[in-house]
């Protein structure tokens, strides 16, 4: 039977203490994802949950007079509209970020 532990060392032995740094290093504590992006994601998530369900129940009795097939199709179309809207918003946001980076790079080159 093979083992991955080094010879002469047991798993029960305590691990060596990490070396303490001589000076505390500055750490970056900013969030990885900006808050507006999270808010947008939450808004589109709510729209994806409540939009199609609401559309189904809104149209099943009022517009389609009890026909669940057409109401289901309406709900599916609503889900696709929300999905494409999210993709479009994310694409435009990414495009804006790229334009800002290019403007920064051109500004640095001009100096």
PDB file of N, CA and C in Angstrom:
ATOM      1  N   UNK A   1       0.843  -1.167   0.000  1.00  0.00           N
ATOM      2  CA  UNK A   1       0.000   0.000   0.000  1.00  0.00           C
ATOM      3  C   UNK A   1       0.893   1.235   0.000  1.00  0.00           C
ATOM      4  N   UNK A   2       0.607   2.160  -0.882  1.00  0.00           N
ATOM      5  CA  UNK A   2       1.432   3.358  -0.972  1.00  0.00           C
ATOM      6  C   UNK A   2       0.819   4.481  -0.169  1.00  0.00           C
ATOM      7  N   UNK A   3       1.667   5.420   0.167  1.00  0.00           N
ATOM      8  CA  UNK A   3       1.229   6.560   0.968  1.00  0.00           C
ATOM      9  C   UNK A   3       1.845   7.823   0.394  1.00  0.00           C
ATOM     10  N   UNK A   4       1.166   8.941   0.529  1.00  0.00           N
ATOM     11  CA  UNK A   4       1.664  10.204   0.012  1.00  0.00           C
ATOM     12  C   UNK A   4       2.425  11.002   1.058  1.00  0.00           C
ATOM     13  N   UNK A   5       2.432  10.570   2.293  1.00  0.00           N
ATOM     14  CA  UNK A   5       3.137  11.341   3.314  1.00  0.00           C
ATOM     15  C   UNK A   5       4.636  11.089   3.214  1.00  0.00           C
ATOM     16  N   UNK A   6       5.444  12.066   3.553  1.00  0.00           N
ATOM     17  CA  UNK A   6       6.897  11.898   3.512  1.00  0.00           C
ATOM     18  C   UNK A   6       7.348  10.872   4.553  1.00  0.00           C
ATOM     19  N   UNK A   7       8.455  10.243   4.276  1.00  0.00           N
ATOM     20  CA  UNK A   7       8.977   9.241   5.204  1.00  0.00           C
ATOM     21  C   UNK A   7       9.365   9.901   6.522  1.00  0.00           C
ATOM     22  N   UNK A   8       9.025   9.253   7.601  1.00  0.00           N
ATOM     23  CA  UNK A   8       9.403   9.743   8.916  1.00  0.00           C
ATOM     24  C   UNK A   8       8.493  10.834   9.448  1.00  0.00           C
ATOM     25  N   UNK A   9       7.397  11.128   8.757  1.00  0.00           N
ATOM     26  CA  UNK A   9       6.492  12.175   9.221  1.00  0.00           C
ATOM     27  C   UNK A   9       5.090  11.595   9.299  1.00  0.00           C
ATOM     28  N   UNK A  10       4.386  11.932  10.351  1.00  0.00           N
ATOM     29  CA  UNK A  10       3.030  11.452  10.545  1.00  0.00           C
ATOM     30  C   UNK A  10       2.054  12.586  10.257  1.00  0.00           C
ATOM     31  N   UNK A  11       0.827  12.217   9.904  1.00  0.00           N
ATOM     32  CA  UNK A  11      -0.202  13.234   9.711  1.00  0.00           C
ATOM     33  C   UNK A  11      -0.569  13.904  11.026  1.00  0.00           C
ATOM     34  N   UNK A  12      -0.277  13.271  12.129  1.00  0.00           N
ATOM     35  CA  UNK A  12      -0.605  13.829  13.435  1.00  0.00           C
ATOM     36  C   UNK A  12       0.393  14.897  13.865  1.00  0.00           C
ATOM     37  N   UNK A  13       1.553  14.985  13.210  1.00  0.00           N
ATOM     38  CA  UNK A  13       2.534  16.006  13.560  1.00  0.00           C
ATOM     39  C   UNK A  13       1.968  17.379  13.227  1.00  0.00           C
ATOM     40  N   UNK A  14       2.236  18.364  14.090  1.00  0.00           N
ATOM     41  CA  UNK A  14       1.724  19.703  13.796  1.00  0.00           C
ATOM     42  C   UNK A  14       2.448  20.312  12.593  1.00  0.00           C
ATOM     43  N   UNK A  15       1.729  21.126  11.865  1.00  0.00           N
ATOM     44  CA  UNK A  15       2.305  21.792  10.707  1.00  0.00           C
ATOM     45  C   UNK A  15       3.216  22.909  11.176  1.00  0.00           C
ATOM     46  N   UNK A  16       4.272  23.181  10.441  1.00  0.00           N
ATOM     47  CA  UNK A  16       5.146  24.281  10.842  1.00  0.00           C
ATOM     48  C   UNK A  16       4.413  25.613  10.726  1.00  0.00           C
ATOM     49  N   UNK A  17       4.718  26.517  11.641  1.00  0.00           N
ATOM     50  CA  UNK A  17       4.073  27.830  11.645  1.00  0.00           C
ATOM     51  C   UNK A  17       4.563  28.631  10.448  1.00  0.00           C
ATOM     52  N   UNK A  18       3.687  29.365   9.803  1.00  0.00           N
ATOM     53  CA  UNK A  18       4.123  30.169   8.657  1.00  0.00           C
ATOM     54  C   UNK A  18       5.026  31.299   9.136  1.00  0.00           C
ATOM     55  N   UNK A  19       5.949  31.672   8.293  1.00  0.00           N
ATOM     56  CA  UNK A  19       6.864  32.753   8.636  1.00  0.00           C
ATOM     57  C   UNK A  19       6.096  34.062   8.683  1.00  0.00           C
ATOM     58  N   UNK A  20       6.285  34.821   9.751  1.00  0.00           N
ATOM     59  CA  UNK A  20       5.573  36.091   9.871  1.00  0.00           C
ATOM     60  C   UNK A  20       6.297  37.151   9.060  1.00  0.00           C
ATOM     61  N   UNK A  21       5.559  37.965   8.343  1.00  0.00           N
ATOM     62  CA  UNK A  21       6.216  38.998   7.534  1.00  0.00           C
ATOM     63  C   UNK A  21       6.815  40.069   8.449  1.00  0.00           C
ATOM     64  N   UNK A  22       7.909  40.652   8.004  1.00  0.00           N
ATOM     65  CA  UNK A  22       8.570  41.665   8.817  1.00  0.00           C
ATOM     66  C   UNK A  22       7.741  42.943   8.869  1.00  0.00           C
ATOM     67  N   UNK A  23       7.068  43.287   7.789  1.00  0.00           N
ATOM     68  CA  UNK A  23       6.221  44.482   7.763  1.00  0.00           C
ATOM     69  C   UNK A  23       4.872  44.085   7.174  1.00  0.00           C
ATOM     70  N   UNK A  24       3.812  44.593   7.750  1.00  0.00           N
ATOM     71  CA  UNK A  24       2.494  44.233   7.188  1.00  0.00           C
ATOM     72  C   UNK A  24       2.344  44.809   5.786  1.00  0.00           C
ATOM     73  N   UNK A  25       1.895  43.966   4.895  1.00  0.00           N
ATOM     74  CA  UNK A  25       1.710  44.386   3.502  1.00  0.00           C
ATOM     75  C   UNK A  25       0.326  44.988   3.324  1.00  0.00           C
ATOM     76  N   UNK A  26       0.228  45.948   2.426  1.00  0.00           N
ATOM     77  CA  UNK A  26      -1.075  46.529   2.117  1.00  0.00           C
ATOM     78  C   UNK A  26      -1.876  45.505   1.326  1.00  0.00           C
ATOM     79  N   UNK A  27      -3.118  45.337   1.712  1.00  0.00           N
ATOM     80  CA  UNK A  27      -3.950  44.386   0.992  1.00  0.00           C
ATOM     81  C   UNK A  27      -5.098  45.123   0.327  1.00  0.00           C
ATOM     82  N   UNK A  28      -5.507  44.602  -0.788  1.00  0.00           N
ATOM     83  CA  UNK A  28      -6.599  45.179  -1.548  1.00  0.00           C
ATOM     84  C   UNK A  28      -7.900  44.568  -1.048  1.00  0.00           C
ATOM     85  N   UNK A  29      -8.758  45.385  -0.443  1.00  0.00           N
ATOM     86  CA  UNK A  29      -9.998  44.873   0.118  1.00  0.00           C
ATOM     87  C   UNK A  29     -11.212  45.311  -0.703  1.00  0.00           C
ATOM     88  N   UNK A  30     -10.986  45.828  -1.903  1.00  0.00           N
ATOM     89  CA  UNK A  30     -12.117  46.210  -2.742  1.00  0.00           C
ATOM     90  C   UNK A  30     -12.802  44.955  -3.255  1.00  0.00           C
ATOM     91  N   UNK A  31     -14.112  44.997  -3.422  1.00  0.00           N
ATOM     92  CA  UNK A  31     -14.807  43.798  -3.903  1.00  0.00           C
ATOM     93  C   UNK A  31     -14.400  43.475  -5.342  1.00  0.00           C
ATOM     94  N   UNK A  32     -14.440  42.199  -5.649  1.00  0.00           N
ATOM     95  CA  UNK A  32     -14.047  41.751  -6.987  1.00  0.00           C
ATOM     96  C   UNK A  32     -15.042  42.208  -8.046  1.00  0.00           C
ATOM     97  N   UNK A  33     -16.307  42.320  -7.664  1.00  0.00           N
ATOM     98  CA  UNK A  33     -17.346  42.745  -8.596  1.00  0.00           C
ATOM     99  C   UNK A  33     -17.972  44.025  -8.045  1.00  0.00           C
ATOM    100  N   UNK A  34     -18.059  45.074  -8.854  1.00  0.00           N
ATOM    101  CA  UNK A  34     -18.651  46.325  -8.372  1.00  0.00           C
ATOM    102  C   UNK A  34     -20.120  46.160  -7.995  1.00  0.00           C
ATOM    103  N   UNK A  35     -20.577  46.975  -7.065  1.00  0.00           N
ATOM    104  CA  UNK A  35     -21.953  46.889  -6.572  1.00  0.00           C
ATOM    105  C   UNK A  35     -23.002  47.099  -7.670  1.00  0.00           C
ATOM    106  N   UNK A  36     -22.836  48.061  -8.592  1.00  0.00           N
ATOM    107  CA  UNK A  36     -23.865  48.215  -9.644  1.00  0.00           C
ATOM    108  C   UNK A  36     -24.067  46.956 -10.482  1.00  0.00           C
ATOM    109  N   UNK A  37     -23.011  46.199 -10.687  1.00  0.00           N
ATOM    110  CA  UNK A  37     -23.132  44.953 -11.465  1.00  0.00           C
ATOM    111  C   UNK A  37     -23.983  43.948 -10.694  1.00  0.00           C
ATOM    112  N   UNK A  38     -23.772  43.856  -9.390  1.00  0.00           N
ATOM    113  CA  UNK A  38     -24.564  42.946  -8.557  1.00  0.00           C
ATOM    114  C   UNK A  38     -26.032  43.378  -8.547  1.00  0.00           C
ATOM    115  N   UNK A  39     -26.278  44.692  -8.439  1.00  0.00           N
ATOM    116  CA  UNK A  39     -27.664  45.178  -8.432  1.00  0.00           C
ATOM    117  C   UNK A  39     -28.358  44.871  -9.755  1.00  0.00           C
ATOM    118  N   UNK A  40     -27.627  45.037 -10.867  1.00  0.00           N
ATOM    119  CA  UNK A  40     -28.201  44.712 -12.172  1.00  0.00           C
ATOM    120  C   UNK A  40     -28.533  43.231 -12.279  1.00  0.00           C
ATOM    121  N   UNK A  41     -27.620  42.405 -11.788  1.00  0.00           N
ATOM    122  CA  UNK A  41     -27.852  40.965 -11.822  1.00  0.00           C
ATOM    123  C   UNK A  41     -29.067  40.582 -10.982  1.00  0.00           C
ATOM    124  N   UNK A  42     -29.199  41.182  -9.807  1.00  0.00           N
ATOM    125  CA  UNK A  42     -30.363  40.901  -8.957  1.00  0.00           C
ATOM    126  C   UNK A  42     -31.660  41.364  -9.614  1.00  0.00           C
ATOM    127  N   UNK A  43     -31.629  42.525 -10.265  1.00  0.00           N
ATOM    128  CA  UNK A  43     -32.831  43.025 -10.944  1.00  0.00           C
ATOM    129  C   UNK A  43     -33.244  42.100 -12.079  1.00  0.00           C
ATOM    130  N   UNK A  44     -32.285  41.659 -12.883  1.00  0.00           N
ATOM    131  CA  UNK A  44     -32.622  40.766 -13.985  1.00  0.00           C
ATOM    132  C   UNK A  44     -33.030  39.386 -13.477  1.00  0.00           C
ATOM    133  N   UNK A  45     -32.473  38.959 -12.349  1.00  0.00           N
ATOM    134  CA  UNK A  45     -32.901  37.688 -11.768  1.00  0.00           C
ATOM    135  C   UNK A  45     -34.351  37.762 -11.323  1.00  0.00           C
ATOM    136  N   UNK A  46     -34.717  38.867 -10.660  1.00  0.00           N
ATOM    137  CA  UNK A  46     -36.108  39.046 -10.250  1.00  0.00           C
ATOM    138  C   UNK A  46     -37.028  39.113 -11.470  1.00  0.00           C
ATOM    139  N   UNK A  47     -36.583  39.812 -12.514  1.00  0.00           N
ATOM    140  CA  UNK A  47     -37.393  39.891 -13.735  1.00  0.00           C
ATOM    141  C   UNK A  47     -37.546  38.519 -14.379  1.00  0.00           C
ATOM    142  N   UNK A  48     -36.500  37.702 -14.317  1.00  0.00           N
ATOM    143  CA  UNK A  48     -36.566  36.363 -14.914  1.00  0.00           C
ATOM    144  C   UNK A  48     -37.489  35.448 -14.121  1.00  0.00           C
ATOM    145  N   UNK A  49     -37.584  35.669 -12.815  1.00  0.00           N
ATOM    146  CA  UNK A  49     -38.457  34.829 -11.985  1.00  0.00           C
ATOM    147  C   UNK A  49     -39.907  35.297 -12.068  1.00  0.00           C
ATOM    148  N   UNK A  50     -40.113  36.588 -11.832  1.00  0.00           N
ATOM    149  CA  UNK A  50     -41.477  37.087 -11.706  1.00  0.00           C
ATOM    150  C   UNK A  50     -42.116  37.485 -13.038  1.00  0.00           C
ATOM    151  N   UNK A  51     -41.313  37.839 -14.037  1.00  0.00           N
ATOM    152  CA  UNK A  51     -41.865  38.258 -15.323  1.00  0.00           C
ATOM    153  C   UNK A  51     -42.656  37.166 -16.021  1.00  0.00           C
ATOM    154  N   UNK A  52     -42.046  36.019 -16.306  1.00  0.00           N
ATOM    155  CA  UNK A  52     -42.801  34.972 -17.003  1.00  0.00           C
ATOM    156  C   UNK A  52     -43.962  34.412 -16.185  1.00  0.00           C
ATOM    157  N   UNK A  53     -43.769  34.237 -14.880  1.00  0.00           N
ATOM    158  CA  UNK A  53     -44.860  33.712 -14.047  1.00  0.00           C
ATOM    159  C   UNK A  53     -46.018  34.700 -14.008  1.00  0.00           C
ATOM    160  N   UNK A  54     -45.689  35.961 -13.823  1.00  0.00           N
ATOM    161  CA  UNK A  54     -46.732  36.993 -13.817  1.00  0.00           C
ATOM    162  C   UNK A  54     -47.436  37.097 -15.149  1.00  0.00           C
ATOM    163  N   UNK A  55     -46.677  36.996 -16.231  1.00  0.00           N
ATOM    164  CA  UNK A  55     -47.271  37.086 -17.560  1.00  0.00           C
ATOM    165  C   UNK A  55     -48.203  35.906 -17.826  1.00  0.00           C
ATOM    166  N   UNK A  56     -47.811  34.728 -17.356  1.00  0.00           N
ATOM    167  CA  UNK A  56     -48.663  33.549 -17.540  1.00  0.00           C
ATOM    168  C   UNK A  56     -50.011  33.759 -16.850  1.00  0.00           C
ATOM    169  N   UNK A  57     -49.957  34.107 -15.574  1.00  0.00           N
ATOM    170  CA  UNK A  57     -51.206  34.247 -14.827  1.00  0.00           C
ATOM    171  C   UNK A  57     -52.006  35.469 -15.256  1.00  0.00           C
ATOM    172  N   UNK A  58     -51.336  36.478 -15.780  1.00  0.00           N
ATOM    173  CA  UNK A  58     -52.039  37.658 -16.273  1.00  0.00           C
ATOM    174  C   UNK A  58     -52.806  37.342 -17.551  1.00  0.00           C
ATOM    175  N   UNK A  59     -52.200  36.525 -18.411  1.00  0.00           N
ATOM    176  CA  UNK A  59     -52.815  36.270 -19.712  1.00  0.00           C
ATOM    177  C   UNK A  59     -53.711  35.043 -19.762  1.00  0.00           C
ATOM    178  N   UNK A  60     -53.582  34.114 -18.822  1.00  0.00           N
ATOM    179  CA  UNK A  60     -54.335  32.863 -18.921  1.00  0.00           C
ATOM    180  C   UNK A  60     -55.851  33.099 -18.843  1.00  0.00           C
ATOM    181  N   UNK A  61     -56.292  33.987 -18.014  1.00  0.00           N
ATOM    182  CA  UNK A  61     -57.733  34.227 -17.900  1.00  0.00           C
ATOM    183  C   UNK A  61     -58.177  35.500 -18.619  1.00  0.00           C
ATOM    184  N   UNK A  62     -57.346  36.535 -18.626  1.00  0.00           N
ATOM    185  CA  UNK A  62     -57.805  37.814 -19.171  1.00  0.00           C
ATOM    186  C   UNK A  62     -57.717  37.888 -20.700  1.00  0.00           C
ATOM    187  N   UNK A  63     -56.659  37.386 -21.273  1.00  0.00           N
ATOM    188  CA  UNK A  63     -56.484  37.528 -22.720  1.00  0.00           C
ATOM    189  C   UNK A  63     -56.851  36.252 -23.462  1.00  0.00           C
ATOM    190  N   UNK A  64     -56.365  35.100 -22.981  1.00  0.00           N
ATOM    191  CA  UNK A  64     -56.561  33.850 -23.713  1.00  0.00           C
ATOM    192  C   UNK A  64     -57.726  33.017 -23.189  1.00  0.00           C
ATOM    193  N   UNK A  65     -58.500  33.513 -22.299  1.00  0.00           N
ATOM    194  CA  UNK A  65     -59.743  32.887 -21.809  1.00  0.00           C
ATOM    195  C   UNK A  65     -59.556  31.437 -21.378  1.00  0.00           C
ATOM    196  N   UNK A  66     -58.529  31.188 -20.544  1.00  0.00           N
ATOM    197  CA  UNK A  66     -58.330  29.866 -19.978  1.00  0.00           C
ATOM    198  C   UNK A  66     -57.462  28.931 -20.800  1.00  0.00           C
ATOM    199  N   UNK A  67     -56.891  29.384 -21.885  1.00  0.00           N
ATOM    200  CA  UNK A  67     -56.030  28.533 -22.709  1.00  0.00           C
ATOM    201  C   UNK A  67     -54.595  28.613 -22.176  1.00  0.00           C
ATOM    202  N   UNK A  68     -54.127  27.547 -21.508  1.00  0.00           N
ATOM    203  CA  UNK A  68     -52.789  27.609 -20.909  1.00  0.00           C
ATOM    204  C   UNK A  68     -51.648  27.498 -21.925  1.00  0.00           C
ATOM    205  N   UNK A  69     -51.934  27.000 -23.119  1.00  0.00           N
ATOM    206  CA  UNK A  69     -50.872  26.839 -24.120  1.00  0.00           C
ATOM    207  C   UNK A  69     -50.372  28.201 -24.588  1.00  0.00           C
ATOM    208  N   UNK A  70     -51.292  29.077 -24.955  1.00  0.00           N
ATOM    209  CA  UNK A  70     -50.889  30.409 -25.410  1.00  0.00           C
ATOM    210  C   UNK A  70     -50.295  31.224 -24.275  1.00  0.00           C
ATOM    211  N   UNK A  71     -50.793  31.021 -23.070  1.00  0.00           N
ATOM    212  CA  UNK A  71     -50.217  31.717 -21.912  1.00  0.00           C
ATOM    213  C   UNK A  71     -48.804  31.219 -21.638  1.00  0.00           C
ATOM    214  N   UNK A  72     -48.566  29.938 -21.817  1.00  0.00           N
ATOM    215  CA  UNK A  72     -47.224  29.390 -21.653  1.00  0.00           C
ATOM    216  C   UNK A  72     -46.261  29.925 -22.704  1.00  0.00           C
ATOM    217  N   UNK A  73     -46.767  30.056 -23.920  1.00  0.00           N
ATOM    218  CA  UNK A  73     -45.936  30.635 -24.986  1.00  0.00           C
ATOM    219  C   UNK A  73     -45.595  32.081 -24.656  1.00  0.00           C
ATOM    220  N   UNK A  74     -46.566  32.812 -24.132  1.00  0.00           N
ATOM    221  CA  UNK A  74     -46.320  34.199 -23.727  1.00  0.00           C
ATOM    222  C   UNK A  74     -45.281  34.262 -22.618  1.00  0.00           C
ATOM    223  N   UNK A  75     -45.350  33.347 -21.677  1.00  0.00           N
ATOM    224  CA  UNK A  75     -44.365  33.309 -20.591  1.00  0.00           C
ATOM    225  C   UNK A  75     -42.974  32.985 -21.132  1.00  0.00           C
ATOM    226  N   UNK A  76     -42.889  32.071 -22.085  1.00  0.00           N
ATOM    227  CA  UNK A  76     -41.594  31.721 -22.670  1.00  0.00           C
ATOM    228  C   UNK A  76     -41.009  32.896 -23.452  1.00  0.00           C
ATOM    229  N   UNK A  77     -41.855  33.607 -24.169  1.00  0.00           N
ATOM    230  CA  UNK A  77     -41.390  34.786 -24.905  1.00  0.00           C
ATOM    231  C   UNK A  77     -40.901  35.851 -23.927  1.00  0.00           C
ATOM    232  N   UNK A  78     -41.610  36.017 -22.819  1.00  0.00           N
ATOM    233  CA  UNK A  78     -41.193  36.981 -21.800  1.00  0.00           C
ATOM    234  C   UNK A  78     -39.837  36.608 -21.213  1.00  0.00           C
ATOM    235  N   UNK A  79     -39.616  35.337 -20.937  1.00  0.00           N
ATOM    236  CA  UNK A  79     -38.322  34.890 -20.406  1.00  0.00           C
ATOM    237  C   UNK A  79     -37.208  35.173 -21.418  1.00  0.00           C
ATOM    238  N   UNK A  80     -37.476  34.944 -22.693  1.00  0.00           N
ATOM    239  CA  UNK A  80     -36.467  35.224 -23.714  1.00  0.00           C
ATOM    240  C   UNK A  80     -36.188  36.715 -23.846  1.00  0.00           C
ATOM    241  N   UNK A  81     -37.214  37.540 -23.719  1.00  0.00           N
ATOM    242  CA  UNK A  81     -37.015  38.993 -23.780  1.00  0.00           C
ATOM    243  C   UNK A  81     -36.129  39.450 -22.622  1.00  0.00           C
ATOM    244  N   UNK A  82     -36.376  38.929 -21.422  1.00  0.00           N
ATOM    245  CA  UNK A  82     -35.556  39.295 -20.266  1.00  0.00           C
ATOM    246  C   UNK A  82     -34.117  38.828 -20.487  1.00  0.00           C
ATOM    247  N   UNK A  83     -33.937  37.631 -20.993  1.00  0.00           N
ATOM    248  CA  UNK A  83     -32.596  37.104 -21.237  1.00  0.00           C
ATOM    249  C   UNK A  83     -31.849  37.955 -22.253  1.00  0.00           C
ATOM    250  N   UNK A  84     -32.480  38.282 -23.373  1.00  0.00           N
ATOM    251  CA  UNK A  84     -31.824  39.097 -24.390  1.00  0.00           C
ATOM    252  C   UNK A  84     -31.555  40.512 -23.880  1.00  0.00           C
ATOM    253  N   UNK A  85     -32.449  41.036 -23.048  1.00  0.00           N
ATOM    254  CA  UNK A  85     -32.214  42.359 -22.458  1.00  0.00           C
ATOM    255  C   UNK A  85     -30.982  42.329 -21.558  1.00  0.00           C
ATOM    256  N   UNK A  86     -30.819  41.277 -20.786  1.00  0.00           N
ATOM    257  CA  UNK A  86     -29.641  41.155 -19.924  1.00  0.00           C
ATOM    258  C   UNK A  86     -28.368  41.057 -20.766  1.00  0.00           C
ATOM    259  N   UNK A  87     -28.405  40.271 -21.804  1.00  0.00           N
ATOM    260  CA  UNK A  87     -27.225  40.136 -22.667  1.00  0.00           C
ATOM    261  C   UNK A  87     -26.882  41.473 -23.311  1.00  0.00           C
ATOM    262  N   UNK A  88     -27.890  42.208 -23.764  1.00  0.00           N
ATOM    263  CA  UNK A  88     -27.657  43.508 -24.392  1.00  0.00           C
ATOM    264  C   UNK A  88     -27.053  44.501 -23.399  1.00  0.00           C
ATOM    265  N   UNK A  89     -27.602  44.553 -22.183  1.00  0.00           N
ATOM    266  CA  UNK A  89     -27.083  45.469 -21.165  1.00  0.00           C
ATOM    267  C   UNK A  89     -25.645  45.107 -20.805  1.00  0.00           C
ATOM    268  N   UNK A  90     -25.352  43.825 -20.654  1.00  0.00           N
ATOM    269  CA  UNK A  90     -23.990  43.400 -20.328  1.00  0.00           C
ATOM    270  C   UNK A  90     -23.037  43.719 -21.477  1.00  0.00           C
ATOM    271  N   UNK A  91     -23.492  43.548 -22.698  1.00  0.00           N
ATOM    272  CA  UNK A  91     -22.661  43.849 -23.860  1.00  0.00           C
ATOM    273  C   UNK A  91     -22.343  45.339 -23.937  1.00  0.00           C
ATOM    274  N   UNK A  92     -23.353  46.182 -23.722  1.00  0.00           N
ATOM    275  CA  UNK A  92     -23.138  47.625 -23.759  1.00  0.00           C
ATOM    276  C   UNK A  92     -22.214  48.066 -22.629  1.00  0.00           C
ATOM    277  N   UNK A  93     -22.363  47.474 -21.462  1.00  0.00           N
ATOM    278  CA  UNK A  93     -21.505  47.814 -20.323  1.00  0.00           C
ATOM    279  C   UNK A  93     -20.057  47.425 -20.618  1.00  0.00           C
ATOM    280  N   UNK A  94     -19.860  46.252 -21.190  1.00  0.00           N
ATOM    281  CA  UNK A  94     -18.513  45.808 -21.530  1.00  0.00           C
ATOM    282  C   UNK A  94     -17.916  46.685 -22.617  1.00  0.00           C
ATOM    283  N   UNK A  95     -18.728  47.090 -23.556  1.00  0.00           N
ATOM    284  CA  UNK A  95     -18.264  47.953 -24.635  1.00  0.00           C
ATOM    285  C   UNK A  95     -17.837  49.310 -24.073  1.00  0.00           C
ATOM    286  N   UNK A  96     -18.582  49.822 -23.106  1.00  0.00           N
ATOM    287  CA  UNK A  96     -18.220  51.090 -22.475  1.00  0.00           C
ATOM    288  C   UNK A  96     -16.915  50.987 -21.704  1.00  0.00           C
ATOM    289  N   UNK A  97     -16.711  49.863 -21.026  1.00  0.00           N
ATOM    290  CA  UNK A  97     -15.459  49.646 -20.295  1.00  0.00           C
ATOM    291  C   UNK A  97     -14.274  49.603 -21.261  1.00  0.00           C
ATOM    292  N   UNK A  98     -14.463  48.950 -22.391  1.00  0.00           N
ATOM    293  CA  UNK A  98     -13.376  48.867 -23.379  1.00  0.00           C
ATOM    294  C   UNK A  98     -13.038  50.239 -23.947  1.00  0.00           C
ATOM    295  N   UNK A  99     -14.056  51.056 -24.214  1.00  0.00           N
ATOM    296  CA  UNK A  99     -13.809  52.400 -24.742  1.00  0.00           C
ATOM    297  C   UNK A  99     -13.062  53.254 -23.724  1.00  0.00           C
ATOM    298  N   UNK A 100     -13.405  53.108 -22.436  1.00  0.00           N
ATOM    299  CA  UNK A 100     -12.696  53.854 -21.394  1.00  0.00           C
ATOM    300  C   UNK A 100     -11.233  53.439 -21.335  1.00  0.00           C
ATOM    301  N   UNK A 101     -10.960  52.148 -21.429  1.00  0.00           N
ATOM    302  CA  UNK A 101      -9.572  51.669 -21.409  1.00  0.00           C
ATOM    303  C   UNK A 101      -8.796  52.192 -22.601  1.00  0.00           C
ATOM    304  N   UNK A 102      -9.408  52.187 -23.771  1.00  0.00           N
ATOM    305  CA  UNK A 102      -8.734  52.697 -24.962  1.00  0.00           C
ATOM    306  C   UNK A 102      -8.450  54.184 -24.828  1.00  0.00           C
ATOM    307  N   UNK A 103      -9.379  54.924 -24.256  1.00  0.00           N
ATOM    308  CA  UNK A 103      -9.169  56.367 -24.055  1.00  0.00           C
ATOM    309  C   UNK A 103      -8.023  56.605 -23.071  1.00  0.00           C
ATOM    310  N   UNK A 104      -7.924  55.784 -22.033  1.00  0.00           N
ATOM    311  CA  UNK A 104      -6.816  55.912 -21.088  1.00  0.00           C
ATOM    312  C   UNK A 104      -5.481  55.631 -21.773  1.00  0.00           C
ATOM    313  N   UNK A 105      -5.469  54.566 -22.595  1.00  0.00           N
ATOM    314  CA  UNK A 105      -4.227  54.217 -23.279  1.00  0.00           C
ATOM    315  C   UNK A 105      -3.811  55.312 -24.269  1.00  0.00           C
ATOM    316  N   UNK A 106      -4.782  55.885 -24.973  1.00  0.00           N
ATOM    317  CA  UNK A 106      -4.455  56.973 -25.915  1.00  0.00           C
ATOM    318  C   UNK A 106      -3.968  58.202 -25.160  1.00  0.00           C
ATOM    319  N   UNK A 107      -4.546  58.451 -23.992  1.00  0.00           N
ATOM    320  CA  UNK A 107      -4.113  59.590 -23.189  1.00  0.00           C
ATOM    321  C   UNK A 107      -2.683  59.409 -22.704  1.00  0.00           C
ATOM    322  N   UNK A 108      -2.301  58.190 -22.356  1.00  0.00           N
ATOM    323  CA  UNK A 108      -0.938  57.919 -21.900  1.00  0.00           C
ATOM    324  C   UNK A 108       0.046  58.011 -23.064  1.00  0.00           C
ATOM    325  N   UNK A 109      -0.368  57.590 -24.244  1.00  0.00           N
ATOM    326  CA  UNK A 109       0.509  57.654 -25.408  1.00  0.00           C
ATOM    327  C   UNK A 109       0.754  59.108 -25.807  1.00  0.00           C
ATOM    328  N   UNK A 110      -0.248  59.955 -25.639  1.00  0.00           N
ATOM    329  CA  UNK A 110      -0.122  61.358 -26.038  1.00  0.00           C
ATOM    330  C   UNK A 110       0.852  62.100 -25.121  1.00  0.00           C
ATOM    331  N   UNK A 111       1.016  61.618 -23.898  1.00  0.00           N
ATOM    332  CA  UNK A 111       1.918  62.309 -22.970  1.00  0.00           C
ATOM    333  C   UNK A 111       3.332  62.070 -23.254  1.00  0.00           C
TER     334      UNK A 111
END
